[in-house]
Amino acid sequence: MGGRVVNSERFYCPLVQWRPKRNTIERLTAQHDALFRGFDSREIAPPDPIESILFRMDQSGLQRKDLEPYIGHSGRVSEVLNRKRPLTLDMIRKLWKGLHIPLVSLIQTSEDIDHQQRA
């Protein structure tokens, strides 16, 4: 019942034996560098706070009522989600701790978002 050790090269996967030519490696490296250099130079803006909250609600299956411990009574939740009232520091802390929404996406103001859209 013992296993047999195969020492023949014909049993190895052809891809393991494949050795790319030097110019292939250099070309792939240059393509990789160009791709990531272009990606790193772009600045991706975080979403606005309300979009972040709505995204978390959608992903977690939450309803507006579920936000009351973090934002306040149902009227206040409605005002915040309809962009009639800004998030307070206390709301931001509670949303961050309770729903694990990244702080960077909660602290933007409408002026920050308008400025990013113009740029």
C-alpha atoms as a PDB file:
ATOM      1  CA  MET A   1       0.000   0.000   0.000  1.00  0.00           C
ATOM      2  CA  GLY A   2       2.968   2.334  -0.131  1.00  0.00           C
ATOM      3  CA  GLY A   3       3.117   5.292  -2.479  1.00  0.00           C
ATOM      4  CA  ARG A   4       5.529   5.449  -5.360  1.00  0.00           C
ATOM      5  CA  VAL A   5       7.835   8.409  -5.949  1.00  0.00           C
ATOM      6  CA  VAL A   6       7.800   9.543  -9.547  1.00  0.00           C
ATOM      7  CA  ASN A   7      11.103  10.964 -10.702  1.00  0.00           C
ATOM      8  CA  SER A   8      10.260  11.264 -14.358  1.00  0.00           C
ATOM      9  CA  GLU A   9       9.939  14.727 -15.908  1.00  0.00           C
ATOM     10  CA  ARG A  10       7.077  13.605 -18.132  1.00  0.00           C
ATOM     11  CA  PHE A  11       4.754  13.650 -15.103  1.00  0.00           C
ATOM     12  CA  TYR A  12       5.412  17.297 -14.268  1.00  0.00           C
ATOM     13  CA  CYS A  13       2.977  19.970 -15.364  1.00  0.00           C
ATOM     14  CA  PRO A  14       4.201  21.687 -18.530  1.00  0.00           C
ATOM     15  CA  LEU A  15       3.562  25.092 -16.937  1.00  0.00           C
ATOM     16  CA  VAL A  16       5.999  24.358 -14.129  1.00  0.00           C
ATOM     17  CA  GLN A  17       8.704  23.719 -16.702  1.00  0.00           C
ATOM     18  CA  TRP A  18       7.841  26.831 -18.736  1.00  0.00           C
ATOM     19  CA  ARG A  19      10.586  29.418 -18.610  1.00  0.00           C
ATOM     20  CA  PRO A  20       9.675  32.752 -20.226  1.00  0.00           C
ATOM     21  CA  LYS A  21      12.233  34.502 -22.357  1.00  0.00           C
ATOM     22  CA  ARG A  22      13.958  37.479 -20.816  1.00  0.00           C
ATOM     23  CA  ASN A  23      12.233  40.007 -23.087  1.00  0.00           C
ATOM     24  CA  THR A  24       8.824  38.570 -22.042  1.00  0.00           C
ATOM     25  CA  ILE A  25       9.584  39.222 -18.370  1.00  0.00           C
ATOM     26  CA  GLU A  26      10.819  42.736 -19.122  1.00  0.00           C
ATOM     27  CA  ARG A  27       7.717  43.494 -21.213  1.00  0.00           C
ATOM     28  CA  LEU A  28       5.367  42.203 -18.498  1.00  0.00           C
ATOM     29  CA  THR A  29       7.239  44.171 -15.842  1.00  0.00           C
ATOM     30  CA  ALA A  30       7.016  47.361 -17.907  1.00  0.00           C
ATOM     31  CA  GLN A  31       3.266  46.851 -18.457  1.00  0.00           C
ATOM     32  CA  HIS A  32       2.743  46.225 -14.735  1.00  0.00           C
ATOM     33  CA  ASP A  33       4.698  49.342 -13.771  1.00  0.00           C
ATOM     34  CA  ALA A  34       2.828  51.518 -16.271  1.00  0.00           C
ATOM     35  CA  LEU A  35      -0.533  50.236 -15.096  1.00  0.00           C
ATOM     36  CA  PHE A  36       0.110  50.798 -11.411  1.00  0.00           C
ATOM     37  CA  ARG A  37       1.893  54.125 -11.922  1.00  0.00           C
ATOM     38  CA  GLY A  38      -1.249  55.405 -13.637  1.00  0.00           C
ATOM     39  CA  PHE A  39      -3.481  53.955 -10.936  1.00  0.00           C
ATOM     40  CA  ASP A  40      -1.462  55.412  -8.059  1.00  0.00           C
ATOM     41  CA  SER A  41      -1.500  58.885  -9.601  1.00  0.00           C
ATOM     42  CA  ARG A  42      -5.324  59.005  -9.537  1.00  0.00           C
ATOM     43  CA  GLU A  43      -6.902  60.109  -6.326  1.00  0.00           C
ATOM     44  CA  ILE A  44     -10.113  58.271  -5.586  1.00  0.00           C
ATOM     45  CA  ALA A  45     -12.443  60.355  -3.458  1.00  0.00           C
ATOM     46  CA  PRO A  46     -14.342  58.607  -0.689  1.00  0.00           C
ATOM     47  CA  PRO A  47     -18.133  58.559  -1.011  1.00  0.00           C
ATOM     48  CA  ASP A  48     -20.201  61.192   0.715  1.00  0.00           C
ATOM     49  CA  PRO A  49     -21.455  60.377   4.240  1.00  0.00           C
ATOM     50  CA  ILE A  50     -25.078  59.716   3.306  1.00  0.00           C
ATOM     51  CA  GLU A  51     -24.067  57.369   0.488  1.00  0.00           C
ATOM     52  CA  SER A  52     -21.834  55.517   2.962  1.00  0.00           C
ATOM     53  CA  ILE A  53     -24.702  55.119   5.416  1.00  0.00           C
ATOM     54  CA  LEU A  54     -27.108  53.987   2.695  1.00  0.00           C
ATOM     55  CA  PHE A  55     -24.545  51.497   1.409  1.00  0.00           C
ATOM     56  CA  ARG A  56     -24.089  50.026   4.904  1.00  0.00           C
ATOM     57  CA  MET A  57     -27.846  49.845   5.362  1.00  0.00           C
ATOM     58  CA  ASP A  58     -28.184  47.981   2.074  1.00  0.00           C
ATOM     59  CA  GLN A  59     -25.325  45.581   2.810  1.00  0.00           C
ATOM     60  CA  SER A  60     -26.540  44.831   6.342  1.00  0.00           C
ATOM     61  CA  GLY A  61     -30.249  44.721   5.545  1.00  0.00           C
ATOM     62  CA  LEU A  62     -30.982  47.648   7.872  1.00  0.00           C
ATOM     63  CA  GLN A  63     -34.002  49.923   7.798  1.00  0.00           C
ATOM     64  CA  ARG A  64     -34.268  53.569   8.837  1.00  0.00           C
ATOM     65  CA  LYS A  65     -35.623  52.463  12.205  1.00  0.00           C
ATOM     66  CA  ASP A  66     -32.344  50.607  12.837  1.00  0.00           C
ATOM     67  CA  LEU A  67     -30.418  53.901  12.635  1.00  0.00           C
ATOM     68  CA  GLU A  68     -32.261  55.503  15.565  1.00  0.00           C
ATOM     69  CA  PRO A  69     -29.682  54.381  18.193  1.00  0.00           C
ATOM     70  CA  TYR A  70     -26.961  56.098  16.159  1.00  0.00           C
ATOM     71  CA  ILE A  71     -28.677  59.224  14.836  1.00  0.00           C
ATOM     72  CA  GLY A  72     -31.714  59.868  17.003  1.00  0.00           C
ATOM     73  CA  HIS A  73     -35.489  59.699  16.653  1.00  0.00           C
ATOM     74  CA  SER A  74     -37.115  58.775  13.339  1.00  0.00           C
ATOM     75  CA  GLY A  75     -37.599  62.418  12.312  1.00  0.00           C
ATOM     76  CA  ARG A  76     -33.911  63.132  12.734  1.00  0.00           C
ATOM     77  CA  VAL A  77     -32.944  59.986  10.807  1.00  0.00           C
ATOM     78  CA  SER A  78     -35.170  61.157   7.971  1.00  0.00           C
ATOM     79  CA  GLU A  79     -33.663  64.657   8.016  1.00  0.00           C
ATOM     80  CA  VAL A  80     -30.112  63.289   7.904  1.00  0.00           C
ATOM     81  CA  LEU A  81     -30.789  60.797   5.111  1.00  0.00           C
ATOM     82  CA  ASN A  82     -32.621  63.472   3.094  1.00  0.00           C
ATOM     83  CA  ARG A  83     -29.637  65.814   3.574  1.00  0.00           C
ATOM     84  CA  LYS A  84     -31.664  68.373   5.509  1.00  0.00           C
ATOM     85  CA  ARG A  85     -29.516  68.044   8.640  1.00  0.00           C
ATOM     86  CA  PRO A  86     -25.745  67.436   8.818  1.00  0.00           C
ATOM     87  CA  LEU A  87     -24.213  64.645  10.843  1.00  0.00           C
ATOM     88  CA  THR A  88     -22.980  65.720  14.263  1.00  0.00           C
ATOM     89  CA  LEU A  89     -19.742  64.546  15.816  1.00  0.00           C
ATOM     90  CA  ASP A  90     -21.711  62.336  18.210  1.00  0.00           C
ATOM     91  CA  MET A  91     -23.628  60.735  15.300  1.00  0.00           C
ATOM     92  CA  ILE A  92     -20.382  60.123  13.418  1.00  0.00           C
ATOM     93  CA  ARG A  93     -18.811  58.413  16.436  1.00  0.00           C
ATOM     94  CA  LYS A  94     -21.861  56.201  16.971  1.00  0.00           C
ATOM     95  CA  LEU A  95     -22.075  55.228  13.287  1.00  0.00           C
ATOM     96  CA  TRP A  96     -18.375  54.445  13.202  1.00  0.00           C
ATOM     97  CA  LYS A  97     -18.425  52.324  16.361  1.00  0.00           C
ATOM     98  CA  GLY A  98     -21.796  50.676  15.811  1.00  0.00           C
ATOM     99  CA  LEU A  99     -21.934  50.124  12.064  1.00  0.00           C
ATOM    100  CA  HIS A 100     -18.174  50.189  11.338  1.00  0.00           C
ATOM    101  CA  ILE A 101     -18.501  52.820   8.626  1.00  0.00           C
ATOM    102  CA  PRO A 102     -15.038  54.268   7.911  1.00  0.00           C
ATOM    103  CA  LEU A 103     -14.505  57.671   9.503  1.00  0.00           C
ATOM    104  CA  VAL A 104     -13.036  59.146   6.330  1.00  0.00           C
ATOM    105  CA  SER A 105     -16.344  58.645   4.543  1.00  0.00           C
ATOM    106  CA  LEU A 106     -18.394  60.081   7.422  1.00  0.00           C
ATOM    107  CA  ILE A 107     -16.481  63.314   8.031  1.00  0.00           C
ATOM    108  CA  GLN A 108     -16.809  64.889   4.601  1.00  0.00           C
ATOM    109  CA  THR A 109     -18.983  67.959   4.360  1.00  0.00           C
ATOM    110  CA  SER A 110     -21.128  68.972   1.413  1.00  0.00           C
ATOM    111  CA  GLU A 111     -18.556  71.698   0.593  1.00  0.00           C
ATOM    112  CA  ASP A 112     -15.818  69.035   0.355  1.00  0.00           C
ATOM    113  CA  ILE A 113     -17.940  66.985  -2.013  1.00  0.00           C
ATOM    114  CA  ASP A 114     -18.802  70.012  -4.188  1.00  0.00           C
ATOM    115  CA  HIS A 115     -15.103  70.945  -4.367  1.00  0.00           C
ATOM    116  CA  GLN A 116     -14.127  67.412  -5.453  1.00  0.00           C
ATOM    117  CA  GLN A 117     -16.799  67.331  -8.138  1.00  0.00           C
ATOM    118  CA  ARG A 118     -15.539  70.634  -9.611  1.00  0.00           C
ATOM    119  CA  ALA A 119     -11.900  69.466  -9.712  1.00  0.00           C
END
